[in-house]
Amino acid sequence: MYYCRIASEQDIPCMVLLLKQLTEIETDFQFDAEAHYDALEQLIECSRSLVVVAVNNETNKVIGMITGQVMISTAVGGNTLFIDDLVVNEKFRGNGIGEGLLNYLTKKADESFNIKRMQLCADVQNEVAFKFYDKLQWQNTNYTYMRKYL
């Protein structure tokens, strides 16, 4: 039904459309096609990030994506991976694609960067996401995600 691979620049238009679907779920996230395009381009080119897509076997179209950025953590004494975007096209949700994307990203990140821990943030109102991560044995932390625009 699908396969995962590292994203290329040609995938960016489809990934921007996936981010549009994400903005409809996560209220803290505003859709900006140009900004998303530019950020995805930078992530694909960055040596300390990974962008993975799920591709439909029949149509060869991107149906899911995940991004991860490597950081060095003093808490764990090594590399960690921050997962920023995990989204599957609404027509294909519930078929294991999100889990497949996470597994592929985890394997590639560990092979390339010897990752000791992964972390992510999820919209507190996105109950489906919390059930998904709970099923995959992700743990809540005592940390709060904050931001400041410059």
N, C-alpha and C. Protein backbone atom coordinates (compact mmCIF):
# COMPACT_ATOMS: atom_id res chain seq x y z
N MET A 1 0.81 -1.20 0.00
CA MET A 1 0.00 0.00 0.00
C MET A 1 0.86 1.28 0.00
N TYR A 2 1.97 1.28 0.74
CA TYR A 2 2.84 2.45 0.79
C TYR A 2 4.26 2.03 1.12
N TYR A 3 5.19 2.93 0.88
CA TYR A 3 6.57 2.72 1.33
C TYR A 3 7.09 4.06 1.83
N CYS A 4 8.12 4.03 2.66
CA CYS A 4 8.74 5.23 3.21
C CYS A 4 10.10 5.44 2.57
N ARG A 5 10.46 6.71 2.43
CA ARG A 5 11.77 7.07 1.91
C ARG A 5 12.11 8.48 2.38
N ILE A 6 13.38 8.83 2.23
CA ILE A 6 13.82 10.19 2.54
C ILE A 6 13.21 11.13 1.49
N ALA A 7 12.72 12.27 1.95
CA ALA A 7 12.07 13.23 1.06
C ALA A 7 13.08 13.95 0.17
N SER A 8 12.58 14.42 -0.96
CA SER A 8 13.37 15.25 -1.87
C SER A 8 12.62 16.56 -2.12
N GLU A 9 13.30 17.49 -2.78
CA GLU A 9 12.67 18.78 -3.06
C GLU A 9 11.39 18.63 -3.89
N GLN A 10 11.33 17.61 -4.72
CA GLN A 10 10.15 17.40 -5.55
C GLN A 10 8.91 17.06 -4.71
N ASP A 11 9.12 16.60 -3.49
CA ASP A 11 8.01 16.23 -2.60
C ASP A 11 7.40 17.42 -1.87
N ILE A 12 8.07 18.54 -1.89
CA ILE A 12 7.65 19.68 -1.06
C ILE A 12 6.22 20.14 -1.35
N PRO A 13 5.78 20.30 -2.59
CA PRO A 13 4.38 20.74 -2.79
C PRO A 13 3.36 19.82 -2.12
N CYS A 14 3.57 18.51 -2.20
CA CYS A 14 2.65 17.57 -1.53
C CYS A 14 2.74 17.70 -0.01
N MET A 15 3.94 17.92 0.50
CA MET A 15 4.11 18.05 1.95
C MET A 15 3.44 19.33 2.46
N VAL A 16 3.48 20.38 1.67
CA VAL A 16 2.80 21.62 2.06
C VAL A 16 1.30 21.37 2.19
N LEU A 17 0.74 20.60 1.27
CA LEU A 17 -0.69 20.26 1.36
C LEU A 17 -0.99 19.43 2.60
N LEU A 18 -0.08 18.55 2.97
CA LEU A 18 -0.27 17.79 4.21
C LEU A 18 -0.24 18.71 5.42
N LEU A 19 0.64 19.69 5.41
CA LEU A 19 0.69 20.65 6.52
C LEU A 19 -0.59 21.46 6.60
N LYS A 20 -1.22 21.70 5.46
CA LYS A 20 -2.53 22.38 5.47
C LYS A 20 -3.54 21.54 6.24
N GLN A 21 -3.54 20.23 6.03
CA GLN A 21 -4.45 19.36 6.78
C GLN A 21 -4.12 19.40 8.27
N LEU A 22 -2.84 19.49 8.60
CA LEU A 22 -2.44 19.54 10.00
C LEU A 22 -2.96 20.81 10.68
N THR A 23 -2.96 21.92 9.94
CA THR A 23 -3.45 23.18 10.53
C THR A 23 -4.94 23.12 10.84
N GLU A 24 -5.65 22.24 10.16
CA GLU A 24 -7.08 22.09 10.42
C GLU A 24 -7.33 21.29 11.71
N ILE A 25 -6.31 20.56 12.18
CA ILE A 25 -6.41 19.77 13.41
C ILE A 25 -5.83 20.54 14.60
N GLU A 26 -4.68 21.14 14.39
CA GLU A 26 -3.94 21.78 15.48
C GLU A 26 -4.18 23.29 15.45
N THR A 27 -4.85 23.76 16.47
CA THR A 27 -5.28 25.16 16.52
C THR A 27 -4.13 26.14 16.73
N ASP A 28 -3.00 25.67 17.20
CA ASP A 28 -1.86 26.53 17.49
C ASP A 28 -0.96 26.72 16.27
N PHE A 29 -1.38 26.24 15.13
CA PHE A 29 -0.56 26.15 13.95
C PHE A 29 -1.29 26.85 12.81
N GLN A 30 -0.72 27.90 12.25
CA GLN A 30 -1.35 28.64 11.16
C GLN A 30 -0.74 28.24 9.82
N PHE A 31 -1.60 28.03 8.83
CA PHE A 31 -1.11 27.64 7.51
C PHE A 31 -0.51 28.84 6.79
N ASP A 32 0.70 28.65 6.26
CA ASP A 32 1.40 29.66 5.47
C ASP A 32 2.22 28.90 4.43
N ALA A 33 1.66 28.69 3.27
CA ALA A 33 2.26 27.83 2.24
C ALA A 33 3.70 28.23 1.93
N GLU A 34 3.94 29.52 1.79
CA GLU A 34 5.29 29.98 1.43
C GLU A 34 6.29 29.68 2.54
N ALA A 35 5.91 29.97 3.78
CA ALA A 35 6.80 29.70 4.92
C ALA A 35 7.05 28.21 5.08
N HIS A 36 6.00 27.40 4.91
CA HIS A 36 6.15 25.95 5.03
C HIS A 36 7.07 25.41 3.93
N TYR A 37 6.88 25.92 2.72
CA TYR A 37 7.73 25.50 1.60
C TYR A 37 9.19 25.80 1.91
N ASP A 38 9.46 27.04 2.34
CA ASP A 38 10.84 27.45 2.65
C ASP A 38 11.43 26.60 3.77
N ALA A 39 10.65 26.34 4.82
CA ALA A 39 11.15 25.54 5.94
C ALA A 39 11.45 24.11 5.52
N LEU A 40 10.56 23.51 4.72
CA LEU A 40 10.79 22.15 4.25
C LEU A 40 12.04 22.07 3.37
N GLU A 41 12.23 23.08 2.55
CA GLU A 41 13.43 23.14 1.72
C GLU A 41 14.69 23.16 2.59
N GLN A 42 14.67 23.99 3.64
CA GLN A 42 15.81 24.07 4.56
C GLN A 42 16.03 22.76 5.29
N LEU A 43 14.94 22.13 5.75
CA LEU A 43 15.06 20.86 6.46
C LEU A 43 15.67 19.77 5.57
N ILE A 44 15.24 19.70 4.33
CA ILE A 44 15.75 18.70 3.40
C ILE A 44 17.25 18.91 3.16
N GLU A 45 17.67 20.16 3.10
CA GLU A 45 19.07 20.47 2.85
C GLU A 45 19.95 20.37 4.08
N CYS A 46 19.38 20.41 5.27
CA CYS A 46 20.13 20.44 6.52
C CYS A 46 20.74 19.08 6.84
N SER A 47 22.01 19.07 7.23
CA SER A 47 22.69 17.81 7.52
C SER A 47 22.28 17.21 8.87
N ARG A 48 21.61 17.98 9.73
CA ARG A 48 21.20 17.47 11.04
C ARG A 48 19.68 17.36 11.16
N SER A 49 19.05 17.12 10.04
CA SER A 49 17.61 16.88 10.06
C SER A 49 17.27 15.75 9.10
N LEU A 50 16.12 15.16 9.32
CA LEU A 50 15.61 14.11 8.46
C LEU A 50 14.17 14.42 8.10
N VAL A 51 13.85 14.28 6.84
CA VAL A 51 12.47 14.45 6.38
C VAL A 51 12.12 13.17 5.63
N VAL A 52 11.06 12.52 6.09
CA VAL A 52 10.65 11.24 5.53
C VAL A 52 9.23 11.36 5.00
N VAL A 53 8.99 10.74 3.87
CA VAL A 53 7.64 10.71 3.30
C VAL A 53 7.17 9.27 3.14
N ALA A 54 5.85 9.11 3.21
CA ALA A 54 5.21 7.84 2.86
C ALA A 54 4.59 8.05 1.49
N VAL A 55 4.81 7.09 0.61
CA VAL A 55 4.37 7.20 -0.78
C VAL A 55 3.42 6.05 -1.10
N ASN A 56 2.30 6.39 -1.70
CA ASN A 56 1.31 5.40 -2.12
C ASN A 56 1.91 4.56 -3.26
N ASN A 57 1.89 3.23 -3.09
CA ASN A 57 2.45 2.33 -4.12
C ASN A 57 1.74 2.46 -5.46
N GLU A 58 0.43 2.65 -5.43
CA GLU A 58 -0.34 2.67 -6.67
C GLU A 58 -0.21 3.98 -7.44
N THR A 59 -0.22 5.10 -6.73
CA THR A 59 -0.23 6.40 -7.40
C THR A 59 1.13 7.10 -7.40
N ASN A 60 2.05 6.61 -6.58
CA ASN A 60 3.37 7.25 -6.41
C ASN A 60 3.26 8.66 -5.83
N LYS A 61 2.17 8.95 -5.13
CA LYS A 61 1.97 10.27 -4.51
C LYS A 61 2.29 10.20 -3.03
N VAL A 62 2.80 11.31 -2.50
CA VAL A 62 3.10 11.41 -1.08
C VAL A 62 1.80 11.45 -0.29
N ILE A 63 1.67 10.55 0.70
CA ILE A 63 0.45 10.49 1.50
C ILE A 63 0.72 10.71 2.99
N GLY A 64 1.98 10.92 3.35
CA GLY A 64 2.31 11.18 4.74
C GLY A 64 3.72 11.72 4.84
N MET A 65 4.01 12.34 5.98
CA MET A 65 5.34 12.92 6.19
C MET A 65 5.66 13.01 7.67
N ILE A 66 6.96 13.09 7.95
CA ILE A 66 7.44 13.32 9.30
C ILE A 66 8.78 14.05 9.19
N THR A 67 9.02 14.99 10.10
CA THR A 67 10.30 15.69 10.13
C THR A 67 10.94 15.52 11.49
N GLY A 68 12.25 15.44 11.49
CA GLY A 68 12.99 15.34 12.75
C GLY A 68 14.28 16.14 12.67
N GLN A 69 14.62 16.78 13.79
CA GLN A 69 15.84 17.57 13.85
C GLN A 69 16.69 17.09 15.02
N VAL A 70 17.99 16.91 14.76
CA VAL A 70 18.91 16.42 15.77
C VAL A 70 19.39 17.57 16.64
N MET A 71 19.36 17.33 17.94
CA MET A 71 19.89 18.29 18.91
C MET A 71 20.80 17.54 19.87
N ILE A 72 21.71 18.25 20.51
CA ILE A 72 22.55 17.64 21.52
C ILE A 72 21.95 17.97 22.88
N SER A 73 21.73 16.96 23.68
CA SER A 73 21.12 17.14 24.99
C SER A 73 22.14 16.89 26.09
N THR A 74 22.28 17.86 26.98
CA THR A 74 23.15 17.65 28.15
C THR A 74 22.51 16.66 29.11
N ALA A 75 21.18 16.57 29.09
CA ALA A 75 20.47 15.66 30.01
C ALA A 75 20.79 14.20 29.72
N VAL A 76 20.91 13.85 28.45
CA VAL A 76 21.19 12.46 28.10
C VAL A 76 22.63 12.27 27.62
N GLY A 77 23.37 13.36 27.51
CA GLY A 77 24.77 13.27 27.11
C GLY A 77 24.97 12.84 25.68
N GLY A 78 24.12 13.31 24.79
CA GLY A 78 24.28 12.96 23.38
C GLY A 78 23.16 13.47 22.52
N ASN A 79 23.04 12.89 21.36
CA ASN A 79 22.07 13.34 20.37
C ASN A 79 20.65 12.92 20.72
N THR A 80 19.73 13.85 20.51
CA THR A 80 18.30 13.57 20.62
C THR A 80 17.65 14.01 19.32
N LEU A 81 16.46 13.51 19.07
CA LEU A 81 15.74 13.87 17.86
C LEU A 81 14.43 14.52 18.25
N PHE A 82 14.22 15.75 17.77
CA PHE A 82 12.96 16.44 18.00
C PHE A 82 12.10 16.24 16.76
N ILE A 83 10.95 15.60 16.96
CA ILE A 83 10.01 15.36 15.88
C ILE A 83 9.03 16.53 15.85
N ASP A 84 8.96 17.19 14.70
CA ASP A 84 8.14 18.39 14.60
C ASP A 84 6.81 18.12 13.92
N ASP A 85 6.81 17.48 12.80
CA ASP A 85 5.58 17.28 12.04
C ASP A 85 5.41 15.81 11.69
N LEU A 86 4.29 15.25 12.09
CA LEU A 86 3.89 13.92 11.65
C LEU A 86 2.45 14.06 11.19
N VAL A 87 2.23 13.85 9.91
CA VAL A 87 0.87 13.98 9.37
C VAL A 87 0.68 12.99 8.23
N VAL A 88 -0.49 12.38 8.22
CA VAL A 88 -0.88 11.45 7.16
C VAL A 88 -2.13 12.03 6.50
N ASN A 89 -2.19 11.96 5.19
CA ASN A 89 -3.36 12.43 4.46
C ASN A 89 -4.62 11.81 5.08
N GLU A 90 -5.62 12.66 5.29
CA GLU A 90 -6.83 12.22 5.99
C GLU A 90 -7.49 11.01 5.34
N LYS A 91 -7.33 10.84 4.03
CA LYS A 91 -7.94 9.69 3.33
C LYS A 91 -7.25 8.37 3.66
N PHE A 92 -6.03 8.44 4.21
CA PHE A 92 -5.24 7.24 4.46
C PHE A 92 -4.98 6.97 5.94
N ARG A 93 -5.57 7.77 6.81
CA ARG A 93 -5.34 7.58 8.25
C ARG A 93 -5.95 6.27 8.72
N GLY A 94 -5.34 5.71 9.76
CA GLY A 94 -5.84 4.47 10.33
C GLY A 94 -5.32 3.21 9.66
N ASN A 95 -4.30 3.36 8.81
CA ASN A 95 -3.74 2.22 8.08
C ASN A 95 -2.30 1.90 8.48
N GLY A 96 -1.84 2.45 9.61
CA GLY A 96 -0.49 2.16 10.09
C GLY A 96 0.60 3.01 9.46
N ILE A 97 0.22 4.01 8.67
CA ILE A 97 1.22 4.82 7.97
C ILE A 97 1.98 5.71 8.95
N GLY A 98 1.29 6.29 9.92
CA GLY A 98 1.96 7.12 10.92
C GLY A 98 3.00 6.33 11.68
N GLU A 99 2.64 5.14 12.09
CA GLU A 99 3.58 4.27 12.80
C GLU A 99 4.75 3.89 11.88
N GLY A 100 4.45 3.61 10.62
CA GLY A 100 5.51 3.29 9.66
C GLY A 100 6.49 4.45 9.47
N LEU A 101 5.96 5.67 9.39
CA LEU A 101 6.81 6.86 9.27
C LEU A 101 7.70 7.02 10.51
N LEU A 102 7.11 6.86 11.68
CA LEU A 102 7.88 6.98 12.92
C LEU A 102 8.98 5.92 12.99
N ASN A 103 8.65 4.69 12.63
CA ASN A 103 9.64 3.61 12.66
C ASN A 103 10.78 3.85 11.68
N TYR A 104 10.44 4.31 10.48
CA TYR A 104 11.46 4.58 9.47
C TYR A 104 12.36 5.72 9.94
N LEU A 105 11.76 6.79 10.44
CA LEU A 105 12.55 7.92 10.94
C LEU A 105 13.44 7.49 12.09
N THR A 106 12.91 6.71 13.01
CA THR A 106 13.70 6.24 14.16
C THR A 106 14.92 5.46 13.69
N LYS A 107 14.71 4.54 12.76
CA LYS A 107 15.82 3.72 12.26
C LYS A 107 16.88 4.58 11.59
N LYS A 108 16.45 5.48 10.70
CA LYS A 108 17.41 6.33 9.99
C LYS A 108 18.15 7.26 10.95
N ALA A 109 17.44 7.81 11.92
CA ALA A 109 18.06 8.73 12.88
C ALA A 109 19.09 8.00 13.74
N ASP A 110 18.74 6.82 14.18
CA ASP A 110 19.67 6.06 15.01
C ASP A 110 20.90 5.64 14.21
N GLU A 111 20.70 5.21 12.97
CA GLU A 111 21.83 4.82 12.12
C GLU A 111 22.77 6.00 11.84
N SER A 112 22.19 7.16 11.59
CA SER A 112 22.98 8.33 11.18
C SER A 112 23.54 9.14 12.34
N PHE A 113 22.82 9.18 13.47
CA PHE A 113 23.19 10.11 14.54
C PHE A 113 23.30 9.48 15.93
N ASN A 114 23.12 8.16 16.04
CA ASN A 114 23.19 7.49 17.34
C ASN A 114 22.29 8.20 18.36
N ILE A 115 21.02 8.26 18.07
CA ILE A 115 20.05 8.98 18.90
C ILE A 115 19.82 8.25 20.21
N LYS A 116 19.85 9.01 21.31
CA LYS A 116 19.61 8.44 22.64
C LYS A 116 18.18 8.63 23.13
N ARG A 117 17.51 9.66 22.59
CA ARG A 117 16.13 9.94 23.00
C ARG A 117 15.44 10.70 21.88
N MET A 118 14.15 10.50 21.77
CA MET A 118 13.34 11.28 20.85
C MET A 118 12.29 12.02 21.67
N GLN A 119 11.90 13.19 21.18
CA GLN A 119 10.83 13.92 21.82
C GLN A 119 10.00 14.62 20.76
N LEU A 120 8.79 14.95 21.14
CA LEU A 120 7.90 15.65 20.22
C LEU A 120 6.91 16.47 21.04
N CYS A 121 6.20 17.32 20.35
CA CYS A 121 5.11 18.05 20.98
C CYS A 121 3.85 17.76 20.18
N ALA A 122 2.72 17.79 20.87
CA ALA A 122 1.43 17.56 20.22
C ALA A 122 0.43 18.55 20.79
N ASP A 123 -0.47 19.00 19.95
CA ASP A 123 -1.53 19.91 20.38
C ASP A 123 -2.37 19.23 21.46
N VAL A 124 -2.56 19.91 22.59
CA VAL A 124 -3.27 19.30 23.72
C VAL A 124 -4.72 18.96 23.36
N GLN A 125 -5.26 19.56 22.33
CA GLN A 125 -6.65 19.27 21.93
C GLN A 125 -6.73 18.15 20.90
N ASN A 126 -5.59 17.65 20.45
CA ASN A 126 -5.57 16.60 19.43
C ASN A 126 -5.60 15.23 20.11
N GLU A 127 -6.80 14.82 20.51
CA GLU A 127 -6.97 13.57 21.25
C GLU A 127 -6.53 12.36 20.43
N VAL A 128 -6.74 12.40 19.13
CA VAL A 128 -6.35 11.29 18.26
C VAL A 128 -4.83 11.10 18.33
N ALA A 129 -4.09 12.20 18.31
CA ALA A 129 -2.62 12.11 18.38
C ALA A 129 -2.19 11.51 19.71
N PHE A 130 -2.80 11.94 20.80
CA PHE A 130 -2.41 11.42 22.11
C PHE A 130 -2.71 9.92 22.22
N LYS A 131 -3.80 9.47 21.67
CA LYS A 131 -4.10 8.03 21.67
C LYS A 131 -3.08 7.27 20.83
N PHE A 132 -2.71 7.85 19.70
CA PHE A 132 -1.72 7.24 18.81
C PHE A 132 -0.38 7.09 19.53
N TYR A 133 0.12 8.16 20.13
CA TYR A 133 1.41 8.11 20.81
C TYR A 133 1.36 7.21 22.04
N ASP A 134 0.24 7.20 22.73
CA ASP A 134 0.08 6.33 23.89
C ASP A 134 0.16 4.86 23.46
N LYS A 135 -0.48 4.53 22.35
CA LYS A 135 -0.45 3.16 21.82
C LYS A 135 0.98 2.73 21.50
N LEU A 136 1.80 3.68 21.09
CA LEU A 136 3.19 3.40 20.73
C LEU A 136 4.14 3.57 21.91
N GLN A 137 3.59 3.73 23.10
CA GLN A 137 4.33 3.79 24.37
C GLN A 137 5.21 5.03 24.53
N TRP A 138 4.78 6.14 23.93
CA TRP A 138 5.44 7.41 24.22
C TRP A 138 4.99 7.85 25.60
N GLN A 139 5.84 8.53 26.32
CA GLN A 139 5.54 8.94 27.69
C GLN A 139 5.37 10.46 27.78
N ASN A 140 4.39 10.89 28.57
CA ASN A 140 4.26 12.30 28.86
C ASN A 140 5.41 12.72 29.77
N THR A 141 5.78 13.98 29.69
CA THR A 141 6.83 14.51 30.56
C THR A 141 6.25 15.63 31.41
N ASN A 142 7.06 16.14 32.30
CA ASN A 142 6.64 17.26 33.14
C ASN A 142 7.00 18.60 32.50
N TYR A 143 7.54 18.56 31.29
CA TYR A 143 7.92 19.80 30.60
C TYR A 143 6.75 20.40 29.84
N THR A 144 6.77 21.70 29.71
CA THR A 144 5.78 22.43 28.91
C THR A 144 6.50 23.05 27.73
N TYR A 145 5.91 22.94 26.59
CA TYR A 145 6.45 23.52 25.37
C TYR A 145 6.05 25.00 25.35
N MET A 146 7.02 25.87 25.23
CA MET A 146 6.75 27.32 25.17
C MET A 146 7.39 27.90 23.91
N ARG A 147 6.97 29.12 23.57
CA ARG A 147 7.55 29.77 22.40
C ARG A 147 7.59 31.27 22.60
N LYS A 148 8.43 31.90 21.77
CA LYS A 148 8.52 33.36 21.73
C LYS A 148 8.92 33.73 20.30
N TYR A 149 8.12 34.54 19.67
CA TYR A 149 8.42 34.96 18.31
C TYR A 149 9.41 36.13 18.32
N LEU A 150 10.31 36.12 17.36
CA LEU A 150 11.29 37.22 17.22
C LEU A 150 11.06 37.95 15.91
